[in-house]
Amino acid sequence: MNKSNIQINPIQITTRDGFLLAASEYLPQQENGVALLISPAMGIPRSYYHHFASWLAKQGFVVMSYDYRGMGDSKNIESNLAQRKSLRLTDFGEQDLRAGLDWLSKQHNQLRLMTIGHSLGGQILGLADNNGLAEKSLVIASGSGYWKLYSPLLRIKMWLVMFGIMPLVTIVRGQFPGKLLGGGDDLPRSIALSWAAWCRNPHYVSDQRKQPIRTHYNQQKQMRFIAISDDTDFAPMACVKALQSFYQAESSELLLLNPKDYQAGKIGHFGFFRRNMPQKLWKDTADWLLQSALVSKEQVEAVVSV
């Protein structure tokens, strides 16, 4: 059987509050027993993960990627347009990610459900009240965005952006340009202002009263956090460690990925999912996801400190 032949279906999923989300389903010719949900970074459309999702499907994974409300193809769905001004950052997790997990668990209920979160996708997994459906969660280049966690030089930059530039530009323009964040979609006003508020708050993921939101961060079974050594602008090690502390998983490990170990040149915040990444990098990811047995905390306390 030719495993390179996969089927890609454009689909729409419906959230509890009535938004329609654009999504893509990747079906292998021969399933390996795992269904994967890929949750994107802030402002990054699901199309960015196409090559990675296709490769995973060729390995036998059923994969689904989606666009958050107000992002990617979801922002152009006609029934969503009237609600664009009422977008809330917390809904990316409480509604959108939740809907992705719910759809996958129902459509592929014979498979083990797992998640991959990139950046924001790893931060908001704990907001979904059904995140316990996932047996394993891989969190890549994802950390708390609290500005004081960054190195002294970057701390100044983060302070300027989150206290001044982002709120000011957003209020003047009505949105924040995605190109100023490394590419991707422009951020709607309410999303940009909420994100800036999170980054000014030591709790990061927080409500309008500036109180931490951790209600469903204790439902995860097995998690792996991957910090990338040359990702200093978005998710340095201190930020990744802080995010890991939000979750109370049954087992949790933190690994530091060095591009030199994979002869990968530069990876940074976005490079992991690019088509030109060494296959070993993606294979190591697939191998971890396919390990069948949950292991104890004692077996995974290989946290890398820098």
Protein backbone atom coordinates (compact mmCIF):
# COMPACT_ATOMS: atom_id res chain seq x y z
CA MET A 1 0.00 0.00 0.00
CA ASN A 2 1.36 3.44 -0.92
CA LYS A 3 1.35 5.41 2.33
CA SER A 4 2.11 8.65 0.47
CA ASN A 5 -1.49 8.82 -0.78
CA ILE A 6 -3.55 10.73 1.75
CA GLN A 7 -6.97 12.33 1.58
CA ILE A 8 -7.42 15.98 2.61
CA ASN A 9 -10.97 17.15 3.30
CA PRO A 10 -11.98 20.79 3.83
CA ILE A 11 -14.54 20.82 6.65
CA GLN A 12 -16.34 23.19 8.98
CA ILE A 13 -16.85 22.61 12.68
CA THR A 14 -19.36 24.38 14.89
CA THR A 15 -18.57 25.79 18.33
CA ARG A 16 -20.97 25.77 21.25
CA ASP A 17 -21.60 29.51 20.81
CA GLY A 18 -22.45 29.16 17.13
CA PHE A 19 -19.26 30.08 15.26
CA LEU A 20 -18.28 28.06 12.21
CA LEU A 21 -14.59 27.29 11.98
CA ALA A 22 -12.76 26.42 8.79
CA ALA A 23 -10.75 23.22 9.22
CA SER A 24 -8.88 20.54 7.29
CA GLU A 25 -8.99 16.81 7.90
CA TYR A 26 -6.04 14.67 6.79
CA LEU A 27 -6.83 10.98 6.37
CA PRO A 28 -4.14 8.32 5.92
CA GLN A 29 -4.57 5.23 3.81
CA GLN A 30 -3.84 3.10 6.87
CA GLU A 31 -4.50 4.49 10.34
CA ASN A 32 -1.99 4.00 13.15
CA GLY A 33 -4.58 4.39 15.91
CA VAL A 34 -4.06 8.08 16.74
CA ALA A 35 -6.11 11.18 15.89
CA LEU A 36 -4.26 14.49 16.25
CA LEU A 37 -5.55 18.04 16.68
CA ILE A 38 -3.16 20.84 15.64
CA SER A 39 -3.87 24.20 17.30
CA PRO A 40 -2.13 27.20 15.67
CA ALA A 41 -0.06 30.08 16.95
CA MET A 42 -1.54 33.57 17.31
CA GLY A 43 -2.61 34.89 13.91
CA ILE A 44 -1.18 31.90 12.02
CA PRO A 45 -3.60 30.20 9.59
CA ARG A 46 -3.91 26.42 9.54
CA SER A 47 -2.37 26.36 6.05
CA TYR A 48 1.01 27.04 7.69
CA TYR A 49 0.90 23.53 9.17
CA HIS A 50 -0.08 21.81 5.92
CA HIS A 51 3.25 20.12 5.18
CA PHE A 52 3.63 18.93 8.77
CA ALA A 53 0.04 17.63 8.87
CA SER A 54 0.49 15.89 5.51
CA TRP A 55 3.67 14.19 6.72
CA LEU A 56 1.92 13.01 9.88
CA ALA A 57 -0.95 11.59 7.82
CA LYS A 58 1.56 9.68 5.71
CA GLN A 59 2.75 8.07 8.94
CA GLY A 60 -0.80 6.89 9.68
CA PHE A 61 -2.12 9.69 11.90
CA VAL A 62 -5.58 11.16 11.35
CA VAL A 63 -4.95 14.90 11.61
CA MET A 64 -7.23 17.91 11.92
CA SER A 65 -6.11 21.55 11.82
CA TYR A 66 -8.38 24.56 12.13
CA ASP A 67 -8.52 28.36 12.06
CA TYR A 68 -9.57 30.25 15.18
CA ARG A 69 -12.54 32.61 14.91
CA GLY A 70 -11.47 35.85 13.23
CA MET A 71 -8.42 34.13 11.73
CA GLY A 72 -7.55 32.41 8.46
CA ASP A 73 -10.53 31.15 6.50
CA SER A 74 -12.79 31.27 9.57
CA LYS A 75 -12.89 35.06 9.42
CA ASN A 76 -14.49 34.97 5.94
CA ILE A 77 -17.37 32.64 6.79
CA GLU A 78 -20.45 34.80 6.31
CA SER A 79 -22.30 33.71 9.42
CA ASN A 80 -19.32 34.79 11.56
CA LEU A 81 -19.03 38.34 10.23
CA ALA A 82 -21.72 39.87 12.43
CA GLN A 83 -19.96 38.58 15.54
CA ARG A 84 -16.46 39.79 14.64
CA LYS A 85 -16.59 42.72 17.08
CA SER A 86 -17.40 40.43 20.00
CA LEU A 87 -14.33 38.19 19.68
CA ARG A 88 -12.69 37.16 22.96
CA LEU A 89 -9.22 35.73 23.27
CA THR A 90 -10.35 33.14 25.82
CA ASP A 91 -12.85 31.80 23.27
CA PHE A 92 -9.97 30.49 21.18
CA GLY A 93 -9.57 27.85 23.88
CA GLU A 94 -12.95 27.68 25.62
CA GLN A 95 -14.85 27.42 22.33
CA ASP A 96 -12.63 26.81 19.28
CA LEU A 97 -10.07 24.35 20.60
CA ARG A 98 -12.85 22.64 22.53
CA ALA A 99 -14.87 22.24 19.33
CA GLY A 100 -11.87 20.68 17.56
CA LEU A 101 -11.42 18.10 20.30
CA ASP A 102 -15.13 17.36 20.37
CA TRP A 103 -15.34 16.90 16.59
CA LEU A 104 -12.33 14.59 16.45
CA SER A 105 -13.48 12.50 19.41
CA LYS A 106 -16.87 11.93 17.80
CA GLN A 107 -15.78 11.44 14.19
CA HIS A 108 -12.89 9.13 15.10
CA ASN A 109 -14.01 7.66 18.39
CA GLN A 110 -12.11 4.43 17.77
CA LEU A 111 -8.78 6.29 17.84
CA ARG A 112 -6.67 7.64 20.71
CA LEU A 113 -6.95 11.44 20.76
CA MET A 114 -3.85 13.64 21.10
CA THR A 115 -3.01 17.30 20.53
CA ILE A 116 -0.18 19.43 19.20
CA GLY A 117 -0.19 23.10 20.19
CA HIS A 118 2.12 25.69 18.67
CA SER A 119 2.70 28.85 20.70
CA LEU A 120 -0.81 30.14 21.54
CA GLY A 121 -2.17 26.66 20.79
CA GLY A 122 -0.23 25.31 23.77
CA GLN A 123 -1.16 28.19 26.04
CA ILE A 124 -4.93 27.86 25.62
CA LEU A 125 -5.26 24.07 25.74
CA GLY A 126 -6.10 24.39 29.43
CA LEU A 127 -9.07 26.65 28.65
CA ALA A 128 -10.99 23.83 26.94
CA ASP A 129 -13.16 22.03 29.48
CA ASN A 130 -12.83 18.79 27.48
CA ASN A 131 -9.04 18.82 27.13
CA GLY A 132 -8.92 15.67 29.25
CA LEU A 133 -10.05 13.78 26.15
CA ALA A 134 -6.45 14.00 24.93
CA GLU A 135 -4.20 11.16 26.04
CA LYS A 136 -1.07 13.13 25.16
CA SER A 137 -0.33 16.76 24.36
CA LEU A 138 2.77 18.05 22.63
CA VAL A 139 3.43 21.76 23.22
CA ILE A 140 5.93 23.33 20.80
CA ALA A 141 7.58 26.77 21.14
CA SER A 142 4.96 27.84 23.65
CA GLY A 143 5.38 29.77 26.87
CA SER A 144 3.90 32.42 29.08
CA GLY A 145 4.14 35.82 27.41
CA TYR A 146 4.58 37.78 30.64
CA TRP A 147 7.07 40.51 29.79
CA LYS A 148 9.27 40.16 32.89
CA LEU A 149 10.18 36.57 32.01
CA TYR A 150 12.33 37.67 29.08
CA SER A 151 16.03 38.51 29.10
CA PRO A 152 16.85 42.10 30.13
CA LEU A 153 17.22 43.36 26.57
CA LEU A 154 14.06 41.66 25.32
CA ARG A 155 12.25 42.76 28.46
CA ILE A 156 12.56 46.35 27.30
CA LYS A 157 11.20 45.42 23.87
CA MET A 158 8.28 43.50 25.37
CA TRP A 159 7.45 46.40 27.69
CA LEU A 160 7.42 48.84 24.79
CA VAL A 161 5.25 46.56 22.65
CA MET A 162 2.71 45.41 25.23
CA PHE A 163 2.37 48.64 27.21
CA GLY A 164 2.64 51.06 24.30
CA ILE A 165 2.97 50.00 20.67
CA MET A 166 0.37 47.23 20.48
CA PRO A 167 -2.43 49.06 22.35
CA LEU A 168 -1.76 52.34 20.52
CA VAL A 169 -1.49 50.86 17.01
CA THR A 170 -4.53 48.67 17.62
CA ILE A 171 -6.72 51.52 18.83
CA VAL A 172 -5.66 53.77 15.93
CA ARG A 173 -5.94 51.12 13.18
CA GLY A 174 -8.70 48.97 14.66
CA GLN A 175 -6.43 45.92 14.44
CA PHE A 176 -2.79 44.98 14.91
CA PRO A 177 -0.74 44.13 11.79
CA GLY A 178 0.30 40.51 11.69
CA LYS A 179 3.50 41.37 9.83
CA LEU A 180 4.81 43.02 13.00
CA LEU A 181 4.60 39.64 14.75
CA GLY A 182 6.54 37.70 12.15
CA GLY A 183 3.71 37.21 9.64
CA GLY A 184 0.22 35.80 9.71
CA ASP A 185 -3.15 37.49 9.92
CA ASP A 186 -3.86 40.89 11.40
CA LEU A 187 -5.20 40.60 14.94
CA PRO A 188 -8.72 41.96 15.52
CA ARG A 189 -8.90 44.82 18.02
CA SER A 190 -10.36 42.83 20.92
CA ILE A 191 -7.85 39.99 20.46
CA ALA A 192 -4.80 42.26 20.27
CA LEU A 193 -5.81 44.32 23.30
CA SER A 194 -6.56 41.20 25.35
CA TRP A 195 -3.26 39.60 24.41
CA ALA A 196 -1.34 42.74 25.38
CA ALA A 197 -3.17 42.70 28.73
CA TRP A 198 -2.18 39.06 29.25
CA CYS A 199 1.47 39.90 28.56
CA ARG A 200 1.38 42.68 31.17
CA ASN A 201 0.01 40.27 33.78
CA PRO A 202 2.27 37.85 35.72
CA HIS A 203 -0.57 35.29 35.55
CA TYR A 204 -0.66 35.64 31.71
CA VAL A 205 -3.83 33.61 30.90
CA SER A 206 -6.25 35.72 32.94
CA ASP A 207 -9.75 37.16 33.10
CA GLN A 208 -10.94 40.77 32.89
CA ARG A 209 -10.28 41.18 36.61
CA LYS A 210 -6.64 40.20 35.97
CA GLN A 211 -7.11 36.96 37.90
CA PRO A 212 -5.51 33.74 36.60
CA ILE A 213 -7.65 31.25 34.68
CA ARG A 214 -6.56 27.71 35.56
CA THR A 215 -9.89 25.87 35.91
CA HIS A 216 -9.15 23.10 33.39
CA TYR A 217 -5.34 23.09 33.45
CA ASN A 218 -5.34 20.02 35.72
CA GLN A 219 -6.98 17.57 33.30
CA GLN A 220 -4.03 16.62 31.11
CA LYS A 221 -2.57 13.13 31.26
CA GLN A 222 0.83 13.28 29.56
CA MET A 223 2.51 16.43 28.23
CA ARG A 224 5.79 17.21 26.52
CA PHE A 225 6.93 20.83 26.24
CA ILE A 226 9.55 21.59 23.58
CA ALA A 227 11.63 24.73 23.97
CA ILE A 228 13.80 25.69 21.00
CA SER A 229 17.21 27.11 21.83
CA ASP A 230 17.18 29.85 19.18
CA ASP A 231 13.59 30.91 19.91
CA THR A 232 14.57 33.85 22.10
CA ASP A 233 12.03 36.42 20.90
CA PHE A 234 8.80 34.49 21.55
CA ALA A 235 9.33 31.46 23.80
CA PRO A 236 12.65 31.40 25.66
CA MET A 237 13.17 28.72 28.29
CA ALA A 238 11.96 30.84 31.23
CA CYS A 239 8.64 31.43 29.46
CA VAL A 240 8.21 27.75 28.58
CA LYS A 241 8.90 26.72 32.18
CA ALA A 242 6.33 29.23 33.40
CA LEU A 243 3.69 27.82 31.05
CA GLN A 244 4.50 24.27 32.12
CA SER A 245 3.74 25.30 35.71
CA PHE A 246 0.18 26.28 34.69
CA TYR A 247 -0.63 22.64 33.95
CA GLN A 248 -1.02 19.89 36.53
CA ALA A 249 -0.58 16.92 34.22
CA GLU A 250 -0.17 13.33 35.38
CA SER A 251 3.25 13.43 33.74
CA SER A 252 5.08 16.36 32.23
CA GLU A 253 8.49 16.82 30.66
CA LEU A 254 10.37 19.76 29.22
CA LEU A 255 12.93 19.26 26.47
CA LEU A 256 15.32 21.74 24.91
CA LEU A 257 15.66 21.33 21.15
CA ASN A 258 18.94 22.57 19.65
CA PRO A 259 18.97 23.06 15.86
CA LYS A 260 22.61 21.88 15.75
CA ASP A 261 21.53 18.44 16.96
CA TYR A 262 19.46 18.08 13.79
CA GLN A 263 21.76 19.96 11.41
CA ALA A 264 18.75 22.21 10.92
CA GLY A 265 20.38 25.63 10.79
CA LYS A 266 17.88 28.08 12.27
CA ILE A 267 14.53 26.91 13.67
CA GLY A 268 13.37 29.78 15.85
CA HIS A 269 9.72 30.21 16.78
CA PHE A 270 8.16 29.18 13.47
CA GLY A 271 10.68 26.88 11.80
CA PHE A 272 9.65 23.55 13.36
CA PHE A 273 6.71 23.22 10.95
CA ARG A 274 8.46 24.27 7.76
CA ARG A 275 8.77 21.85 4.90
CA ASN A 276 12.58 21.90 4.89
CA MET A 277 12.97 20.66 8.46
CA PRO A 278 15.04 17.46 8.79
CA GLN A 279 12.79 14.42 8.80
CA LYS A 280 14.37 13.18 12.04
CA LEU A 281 12.92 16.18 13.86
CA TRP A 282 9.38 15.24 12.84
CA LYS A 283 10.06 11.52 13.32
CA ASP A 284 11.08 12.07 16.95
CA THR A 285 7.75 13.86 17.42
CA ALA A 286 5.77 11.01 15.86
CA ASP A 287 7.67 8.40 17.88
CA TRP A 288 6.78 10.11 21.17
CA LEU A 289 3.13 10.40 20.22
CA LEU A 290 3.01 6.70 19.35
CA GLN A 291 4.51 5.49 22.60
CA SER A 292 1.52 3.64 23.98
CA ALA A 293 2.05 3.54 27.73
CA LEU A 294 1.66 6.51 30.03
CA VAL A 295 4.76 6.83 32.16
CA SER A 296 5.14 8.12 35.67
CA LYS A 297 6.40 11.55 36.66
CA GLU A 298 9.57 9.94 38.04
CA GLN A 299 10.39 8.57 34.59
CA VAL A 300 10.10 11.90 32.83
CA GLU A 301 11.78 14.31 35.20
CA ALA A 302 14.43 15.11 32.59
CA VAL A 303 13.71 18.82 32.61
CA VAL A 304 16.39 20.78 30.83
CA SER A 305 17.66 23.82 32.70
CA VAL A 306 19.55 26.66 31.09
